[in-house]
Amino acid sequence: SSTHSCLICTGPSIYAHCGVESCRSCADFFKRTVAAGRYFPCRKGDGKCNINPHDRHNCRGCRFERCKSLGMKFDP
């Protein structure tokens, strides 16, 4: 299998998870957030945080919004 880039954080991805080309970390984060019914505000307040493999954990709000905007789906 060839490696692609996660559309959420740009890290390496092999499969489409939840309907979007994404890494396992971002897919699992999305599933946990949906299953728990969590809401995370943007840490800076502007909704424009950089999400990449090295700082994808810094703003869960922007990471989750990016997952949703790219069309990730999960029914717990």
PDB file of N, CA and C in Angstrom:
ATOM      1  N   SER A   1       0.834  -1.191   0.000  1.00  0.00           N
ATOM      2  CA  SER A   1       0.000   0.000   0.000  1.00  0.00           C
ATOM      3  C   SER A   1       0.874   1.247   0.000  1.00  0.00           C
ATOM      4  N   SER A   2       0.431   2.274  -0.693  1.00  0.00           N
ATOM      5  CA  SER A   2       1.217   3.496  -0.767  1.00  0.00           C
ATOM      6  C   SER A   2       0.784   4.460   0.335  1.00  0.00           C
ATOM      7  N   THR A   3       1.691   5.329   0.696  1.00  0.00           N
ATOM      8  CA  THR A   3       1.423   6.287   1.760  1.00  0.00           C
ATOM      9  C   THR A   3       0.961   7.614   1.166  1.00  0.00           C
ATOM     10  N   HIS A   4      -0.072   8.174   1.753  1.00  0.00           N
ATOM     11  CA  HIS A   4      -0.600   9.477   1.369  1.00  0.00           C
ATOM     12  C   HIS A   4      -0.473  10.396   2.576  1.00  0.00           C
ATOM     13  N   SER A   5      -0.995  11.593   2.464  1.00  0.00           N
ATOM     14  CA  SER A   5      -0.973  12.528   3.586  1.00  0.00           C
ATOM     15  C   SER A   5      -2.353  12.637   4.214  1.00  0.00           C
ATOM     16  N   CYS A   6      -2.364  12.685   5.531  1.00  0.00           N
ATOM     17  CA  CYS A   6      -3.599  12.928   6.274  1.00  0.00           C
ATOM     18  C   CYS A   6      -4.103  14.326   5.911  1.00  0.00           C
ATOM     19  N   LEU A   7      -5.367  14.430   5.539  1.00  0.00           N
ATOM     20  CA  LEU A   7      -5.924  15.731   5.176  1.00  0.00           C
ATOM     21  C   LEU A   7      -6.158  16.621   6.390  1.00  0.00           C
ATOM     22  N   ILE A   8      -6.099  16.045   7.581  1.00  0.00           N
ATOM     23  CA  ILE A   8      -6.293  16.820   8.805  1.00  0.00           C
ATOM     24  C   ILE A   8      -4.975  17.448   9.253  1.00  0.00           C
ATOM     25  N   CYS A   9      -3.941  16.592   9.449  1.00  0.00           N
ATOM     26  CA  CYS A   9      -2.680  17.076  10.033  1.00  0.00           C
ATOM     27  C   CYS A   9      -1.474  16.970   9.096  1.00  0.00           C
ATOM     28  N   THR A  10      -1.658  16.447   7.901  1.00  0.00           N
ATOM     29  CA  THR A  10      -0.604  16.236   6.895  1.00  0.00           C
ATOM     30  C   THR A  10       0.378  15.125   7.242  1.00  0.00           C
ATOM     31  N   GLY A  11       0.132  14.388   8.307  1.00  0.00           N
ATOM     32  CA  GLY A  11       0.982  13.250   8.655  1.00  0.00           C
ATOM     33  C   GLY A  11       0.749  12.109   7.672  1.00  0.00           C
ATOM     34  N   PRO A  12       1.548  11.050   7.762  1.00  0.00           N
ATOM     35  CA  PRO A  12       1.383   9.920   6.848  1.00  0.00           C
ATOM     36  C   PRO A  12       0.063   9.179   7.071  1.00  0.00           C
ATOM     37  N   SER A  13      -0.547   8.791   5.974  1.00  0.00           N
ATOM     38  CA  SER A  13      -1.819   8.071   6.014  1.00  0.00           C
ATOM     39  C   SER A  13      -1.782   6.952   4.990  1.00  0.00           C
ATOM     40  N   ILE A  14      -2.330   5.818   5.340  1.00  0.00           N
ATOM     41  CA  ILE A  14      -2.382   4.692   4.415  1.00  0.00           C
ATOM     42  C   ILE A  14      -3.815   4.450   3.950  1.00  0.00           C
ATOM     43  N   TYR A  15      -4.798   4.741   4.793  1.00  0.00           N
ATOM     44  CA  TYR A  15      -6.203   4.447   4.500  1.00  0.00           C
ATOM     45  C   TYR A  15      -7.078   5.683   4.683  1.00  0.00           C
ATOM     46  N   ALA A  16      -8.277   5.592   4.135  1.00  0.00           N
ATOM     47  CA  ALA A  16      -9.308   6.582   4.433  1.00  0.00           C
ATOM     48  C   ALA A  16     -10.053   6.081   5.667  1.00  0.00           C
ATOM     49  N   HIS A  17     -10.090   6.879   6.702  1.00  0.00           N
ATOM     50  CA  HIS A  17     -10.812   6.558   7.930  1.00  0.00           C
ATOM     51  C   HIS A  17     -11.991   7.518   8.040  1.00  0.00           C
ATOM     52  N   CYS A  18     -13.138   7.003   8.421  1.00  0.00           N
ATOM     53  CA  CYS A  18     -14.333   7.841   8.601  1.00  0.00           C
ATOM     54  C   CYS A  18     -14.671   8.612   7.323  1.00  0.00           C
ATOM     55  N   GLY A  19     -14.303   8.041   6.167  1.00  0.00           N
ATOM     56  CA  GLY A  19     -14.626   8.651   4.888  1.00  0.00           C
ATOM     57  C   GLY A  19     -13.641   9.681   4.378  1.00  0.00           C
ATOM     58  N   VAL A  20     -12.549   9.903   5.112  1.00  0.00           N
ATOM     59  CA  VAL A  20     -11.569  10.921   4.724  1.00  0.00           C
ATOM     60  C   VAL A  20     -10.167  10.339   4.832  1.00  0.00           C
ATOM     61  N   GLU A  21      -9.309  10.653   3.866  1.00  0.00           N
ATOM     62  CA  GLU A  21      -7.908  10.232   3.933  1.00  0.00           C
ATOM     63  C   GLU A  21      -7.299  10.852   5.189  1.00  0.00           C
ATOM     64  N   SER A  22      -7.012  10.008   6.181  1.00  0.00           N
ATOM     65  CA  SER A  22      -6.527  10.528   7.462  1.00  0.00           C
ATOM     66  C   SER A  22      -5.657   9.502   8.168  1.00  0.00           C
ATOM     67  N   CYS A  23      -4.829   9.992   9.070  1.00  0.00           N
ATOM     68  CA  CYS A  23      -3.991   9.098   9.867  1.00  0.00           C
ATOM     69  C   CYS A  23      -4.840   8.473  10.977  1.00  0.00           C
ATOM     70  N   ARG A  24      -4.348   7.429  11.557  1.00  0.00           N
ATOM     71  CA  ARG A  24      -5.070   6.732  12.626  1.00  0.00           C
ATOM     72  C   ARG A  24      -5.294   7.666  13.823  1.00  0.00           C
ATOM     73  N   SER A  25      -4.309   8.497  14.134  1.00  0.00           N
ATOM     74  CA  SER A  25      -4.422   9.399  15.280  1.00  0.00           C
ATOM     75  C   SER A  25      -5.589  10.375  15.113  1.00  0.00           C
ATOM     76  N   CYS A  26      -5.690  10.989  13.949  1.00  0.00           N
ATOM     77  CA  CYS A  26      -6.782  11.942  13.726  1.00  0.00           C
ATOM     78  C   CYS A  26      -8.133  11.233  13.676  1.00  0.00           C
ATOM     79  N   ALA A  27      -8.183  10.051  13.055  1.00  0.00           N
ATOM     80  CA  ALA A  27      -9.438   9.295  13.000  1.00  0.00           C
ATOM     81  C   ALA A  27      -9.886   8.891  14.400  1.00  0.00           C
ATOM     82  N   ASP A  28      -8.960   8.406  15.209  1.00  0.00           N
ATOM     83  CA  ASP A  28      -9.312   8.011  16.577  1.00  0.00           C
ATOM     84  C   ASP A  28      -9.744   9.210  17.408  1.00  0.00           C
ATOM     85  N   PHE A  29      -9.063  10.342  17.246  1.00  0.00           N
ATOM     86  CA  PHE A  29      -9.445  11.569  17.938  1.00  0.00           C
ATOM     87  C   PHE A  29     -10.881  11.954  17.562  1.00  0.00           C
ATOM     88  N   PHE A  30     -11.191  11.920  16.273  1.00  0.00           N
ATOM     89  CA  PHE A  30     -12.529  12.271  15.802  1.00  0.00           C
ATOM     90  C   PHE A  30     -13.581  11.333  16.391  1.00  0.00           C
ATOM     91  N   LYS A  31     -13.326  10.042  16.341  1.00  0.00           N
ATOM     92  CA  LYS A  31     -14.281   9.056  16.872  1.00  0.00           C
ATOM     93  C   LYS A  31     -14.512   9.250  18.368  1.00  0.00           C
ATOM     94  N   ARG A  32     -13.429   9.451  19.131  1.00  0.00           N
ATOM     95  CA  ARG A  32     -13.562   9.663  20.587  1.00  0.00           C
ATOM     96  C   ARG A  32     -14.380  10.911  20.881  1.00  0.00           C
ATOM     97  N   THR A  33     -14.118  11.976  20.132  1.00  0.00           N
ATOM     98  CA  THR A  33     -14.811  13.241  20.361  1.00  0.00           C
ATOM     99  C   THR A  33     -16.301  13.108  20.066  1.00  0.00           C
ATOM    100  N   VAL A  34     -16.641  12.476  18.944  1.00  0.00           N
ATOM    101  CA  VAL A  34     -18.050  12.280  18.582  1.00  0.00           C
ATOM    102  C   VAL A  34     -18.737  11.369  19.597  1.00  0.00           C
ATOM    103  N   ALA A  35     -18.102  10.250  19.930  1.00  0.00           N
ATOM    104  CA  ALA A  35     -18.707   9.280  20.854  1.00  0.00           C
ATOM    105  C   ALA A  35     -18.967   9.892  22.226  1.00  0.00           C
ATOM    106  N   ALA A  36     -18.089  10.780  22.664  1.00  0.00           N
ATOM    107  CA  ALA A  36     -18.234  11.401  23.982  1.00  0.00           C
ATOM    108  C   ALA A  36     -19.111  12.650  23.942  1.00  0.00           C
ATOM    109  N   GLY A  37     -19.473  13.106  22.742  1.00  0.00           N
ATOM    110  CA  GLY A  37     -20.282  14.315  22.623  1.00  0.00           C
ATOM    111  C   GLY A  37     -19.552  15.547  23.114  1.00  0.00           C
ATOM    112  N   ARG A  38     -18.251  15.566  22.934  1.00  0.00           N
ATOM    113  CA  ARG A  38     -17.426  16.666  23.449  1.00  0.00           C
ATOM    114  C   ARG A  38     -17.448  17.879  22.526  1.00  0.00           C
ATOM    115  N   TYR A  39     -17.201  19.027  23.119  1.00  0.00           N
ATOM    116  CA  TYR A  39     -17.024  20.271  22.371  1.00  0.00           C
ATOM    117  C   TYR A  39     -15.727  20.895  22.846  1.00  0.00           C
ATOM    118  N   PHE A  40     -14.883  21.284  21.907  1.00  0.00           N
ATOM    119  CA  PHE A  40     -13.627  21.941  22.243  1.00  0.00           C
ATOM    120  C   PHE A  40     -13.575  23.294  21.546  1.00  0.00           C
ATOM    121  N   PRO A  41     -13.462  24.380  22.299  1.00  0.00           N
ATOM    122  CA  PRO A  41     -13.294  25.684  21.658  1.00  0.00           C
ATOM    123  C   PRO A  41     -11.858  25.836  21.155  1.00  0.00           C
ATOM    124  N   CYS A  42     -11.671  26.737  20.215  1.00  0.00           N
ATOM    125  CA  CYS A  42     -10.322  27.051  19.738  1.00  0.00           C
ATOM    126  C   CYS A  42      -9.530  27.652  20.892  1.00  0.00           C
ATOM    127  N   ARG A  43      -8.304  27.203  21.064  1.00  0.00           N
ATOM    128  CA  ARG A  43      -7.483  27.693  22.179  1.00  0.00           C
ATOM    129  C   ARG A  43      -7.111  29.160  22.020  1.00  0.00           C
ATOM    130  N   LYS A  44      -6.935  29.611  20.775  1.00  0.00           N
ATOM    131  CA  LYS A  44      -6.582  31.013  20.542  1.00  0.00           C
ATOM    132  C   LYS A  44      -7.812  31.883  20.340  1.00  0.00           C
ATOM    133  N   GLY A  45      -8.928  31.238  20.007  1.00  0.00           N
ATOM    134  CA  GLY A  45     -10.169  31.970  19.834  1.00  0.00           C
ATOM    135  C   GLY A  45     -10.483  32.402  18.417  1.00  0.00           C
ATOM    136  N   ASP A  46      -9.548  32.198  17.474  1.00  0.00           N
ATOM    137  CA  ASP A  46      -9.803  32.660  16.113  1.00  0.00           C
ATOM    138  C   ASP A  46     -10.113  31.531  15.129  1.00  0.00           C
ATOM    139  N   GLY A  47      -9.994  30.276  15.570  1.00  0.00           N
ATOM    140  CA  GLY A  47     -10.295  29.142  14.705  1.00  0.00           C
ATOM    141  C   GLY A  47      -9.319  28.931  13.571  1.00  0.00           C
ATOM    142  N   LYS A  48      -8.097  29.427  13.728  1.00  0.00           N
ATOM    143  CA  LYS A  48      -7.115  29.341  12.643  1.00  0.00           C
ATOM    144  C   LYS A  48      -5.805  28.705  13.087  1.00  0.00           C
ATOM    145  N   CYS A  49      -5.862  27.786  14.035  1.00  0.00           N
ATOM    146  CA  CYS A  49      -4.638  27.154  14.535  1.00  0.00           C
ATOM    147  C   CYS A  49      -4.042  26.212  13.491  1.00  0.00           C
ATOM    148  N   ASN A  50      -2.730  26.130  13.469  1.00  0.00           N
ATOM    149  CA  ASN A  50      -2.014  25.235  12.569  1.00  0.00           C
ATOM    150  C   ASN A  50      -2.129  23.809  13.097  1.00  0.00           C
ATOM    151  N   ILE A  51      -2.588  22.899  12.254  1.00  0.00           N
ATOM    152  CA  ILE A  51      -2.713  21.495  12.645  1.00  0.00           C
ATOM    153  C   ILE A  51      -1.719  20.700  11.810  1.00  0.00           C
ATOM    154  N   ASN A  52      -0.673  20.201  12.433  1.00  0.00           N
ATOM    155  CA  ASN A  52       0.312  19.374  11.739  1.00  0.00           C
ATOM    156  C   ASN A  52       0.729  18.243  12.670  1.00  0.00           C
ATOM    157  N   PRO A  53       1.505  17.276  12.178  1.00  0.00           N
ATOM    158  CA  PRO A  53       1.835  16.114  13.016  1.00  0.00           C
ATOM    159  C   PRO A  53       2.529  16.460  14.331  1.00  0.00           C
ATOM    160  N   HIS A  54       3.219  17.602  14.379  1.00  0.00           N
ATOM    161  CA  HIS A  54       3.981  17.950  15.578  1.00  0.00           C
ATOM    162  C   HIS A  54       3.161  18.709  16.609  1.00  0.00           C
ATOM    163  N   ASP A  55       2.134  19.436  16.168  1.00  0.00           N
ATOM    164  CA  ASP A  55       1.337  20.189  17.144  1.00  0.00           C
ATOM    165  C   ASP A  55      -0.166  19.967  16.976  1.00  0.00           C
ATOM    166  N   ARG A  56      -0.553  18.812  16.449  1.00  0.00           N
ATOM    167  CA  ARG A  56      -1.979  18.539  16.252  1.00  0.00           C
ATOM    168  C   ARG A  56      -2.735  18.453  17.571  1.00  0.00           C
ATOM    169  N   HIS A  57      -2.025  18.259  18.678  1.00  0.00           N
ATOM    170  CA  HIS A  57      -2.670  18.159  19.989  1.00  0.00           C
ATOM    171  C   HIS A  57      -2.850  19.525  20.651  1.00  0.00           C
ATOM    172  N   ASN A  58      -2.263  20.567  20.081  1.00  0.00           N
ATOM    173  CA  ASN A  58      -2.316  21.884  20.711  1.00  0.00           C
ATOM    174  C   ASN A  58      -3.713  22.499  20.723  1.00  0.00           C
ATOM    175  N   CYS A  59      -4.490  22.291  19.664  1.00  0.00           N
ATOM    176  CA  CYS A  59      -5.841  22.856  19.633  1.00  0.00           C
ATOM    177  C   CYS A  59      -6.828  21.803  19.149  1.00  0.00           C
ATOM    178  N   ARG A  60      -7.498  21.182  20.099  1.00  0.00           N
ATOM    179  CA  ARG A  60      -8.472  20.151  19.754  1.00  0.00           C
ATOM    180  C   ARG A  60      -9.679  20.746  19.027  1.00  0.00           C
ATOM    181  N   GLY A  61     -10.000  21.998  19.340  1.00  0.00           N
ATOM    182  CA  GLY A  61     -11.130  22.647  18.673  1.00  0.00           C
ATOM    183  C   GLY A  61     -10.914  22.767  17.175  1.00  0.00           C
ATOM    184  N   CYS A  62      -9.765  23.287  16.777  1.00  0.00           N
ATOM    185  CA  CYS A  62      -9.466  23.443  15.350  1.00  0.00           C
ATOM    186  C   CYS A  62      -9.278  22.091  14.670  1.00  0.00           C
ATOM    187  N   ARG A  63      -8.702  21.151  15.378  1.00  0.00           N
ATOM    188  CA  ARG A  63      -8.517  19.812  14.806  1.00  0.00           C
ATOM    189  C   ARG A  63      -9.876  19.165  14.523  1.00  0.00           C
ATOM    190  N   PHE A  64     -10.802  19.257  15.477  1.00  0.00           N
ATOM    191  CA  PHE A  64     -12.125  18.669  15.293  1.00  0.00           C
ATOM    192  C   PHE A  64     -12.894  19.383  14.183  1.00  0.00           C
ATOM    193  N   GLU A  65     -12.819  20.702  14.139  1.00  0.00           N
ATOM    194  CA  GLU A  65     -13.502  21.452  13.085  1.00  0.00           C
ATOM    195  C   GLU A  65     -12.956  21.077  11.714  1.00  0.00           C
ATOM    196  N   ARG A  66     -11.650  20.852  11.629  1.00  0.00           N
ATOM    197  CA  ARG A  66     -11.050  20.445  10.351  1.00  0.00           C
ATOM    198  C   ARG A  66     -11.576  19.066   9.938  1.00  0.00           C
ATOM    199  N   CYS A  67     -11.669  18.153  10.886  1.00  0.00           N
ATOM    200  CA  CYS A  67     -12.236  16.826  10.596  1.00  0.00           C
ATOM    201  C   CYS A  67     -13.642  16.964  10.021  1.00  0.00           C
ATOM    202  N   LYS A  68     -14.478  17.762  10.684  1.00  0.00           N
ATOM    203  CA  LYS A  68     -15.862  17.933  10.237  1.00  0.00           C
ATOM    204  C   LYS A  68     -15.929  18.621   8.880  1.00  0.00           C
ATOM    205  N   SER A  69     -15.119  19.656   8.680  1.00  0.00           N
ATOM    206  CA  SER A  69     -15.183  20.411   7.428  1.00  0.00           C
ATOM    207  C   SER A  69     -14.750  19.570   6.231  1.00  0.00           C
ATOM    208  N   LEU A  70     -13.923  18.563   6.474  1.00  0.00           N
ATOM    209  CA  LEU A  70     -13.486  17.680   5.390  1.00  0.00           C
ATOM    210  C   LEU A  70     -14.450  16.516   5.169  1.00  0.00           C
ATOM    211  N   GLY A  71     -15.485  16.422   6.007  1.00  0.00           N
ATOM    212  CA  GLY A  71     -16.529  15.430   5.796  1.00  0.00           C
ATOM    213  C   GLY A  71     -16.387  14.131   6.564  1.00  0.00           C
ATOM    214  N   MET A  72     -15.598  14.112   7.633  1.00  0.00           N
ATOM    215  CA  MET A  72     -15.492  12.884   8.426  1.00  0.00           C
ATOM    216  C   MET A  72     -16.856  12.532   9.001  1.00  0.00           C
ATOM    217  N   LYS A  73     -17.156  11.240   9.016  1.00  0.00           N
ATOM    218  CA  LYS A  73     -18.424  10.747   9.551  1.00  0.00           C
ATOM    219  C   LYS A  73     -18.154   9.590  10.497  1.00  0.00           C
ATOM    220  N   PHE A  74     -18.918   9.551  11.589  1.00  0.00           N
ATOM    221  CA  PHE A  74     -18.820   8.436  12.531  1.00  0.00           C
ATOM    222  C   PHE A  74     -20.122   8.334  13.298  1.00  0.00           C
ATOM    223  N   ASP A  75     -20.704   7.148  13.307  1.00  0.00           N
ATOM    224  CA  ASP A  75     -21.918   6.882  14.081  1.00  0.00           C
ATOM    225  C   ASP A  75     -21.561   5.922  15.201  1.00  0.00           C
ATOM    226  N   PRO A  76     -21.442   6.447  16.437  1.00  0.00           N
ATOM    227  CA  PRO A  76     -21.033   5.578  17.557  1.00  0.00           C
ATOM    228  C   PRO A  76     -22.056   4.499  17.867  1.00  0.00           C
TER     229      PRO A  76
END
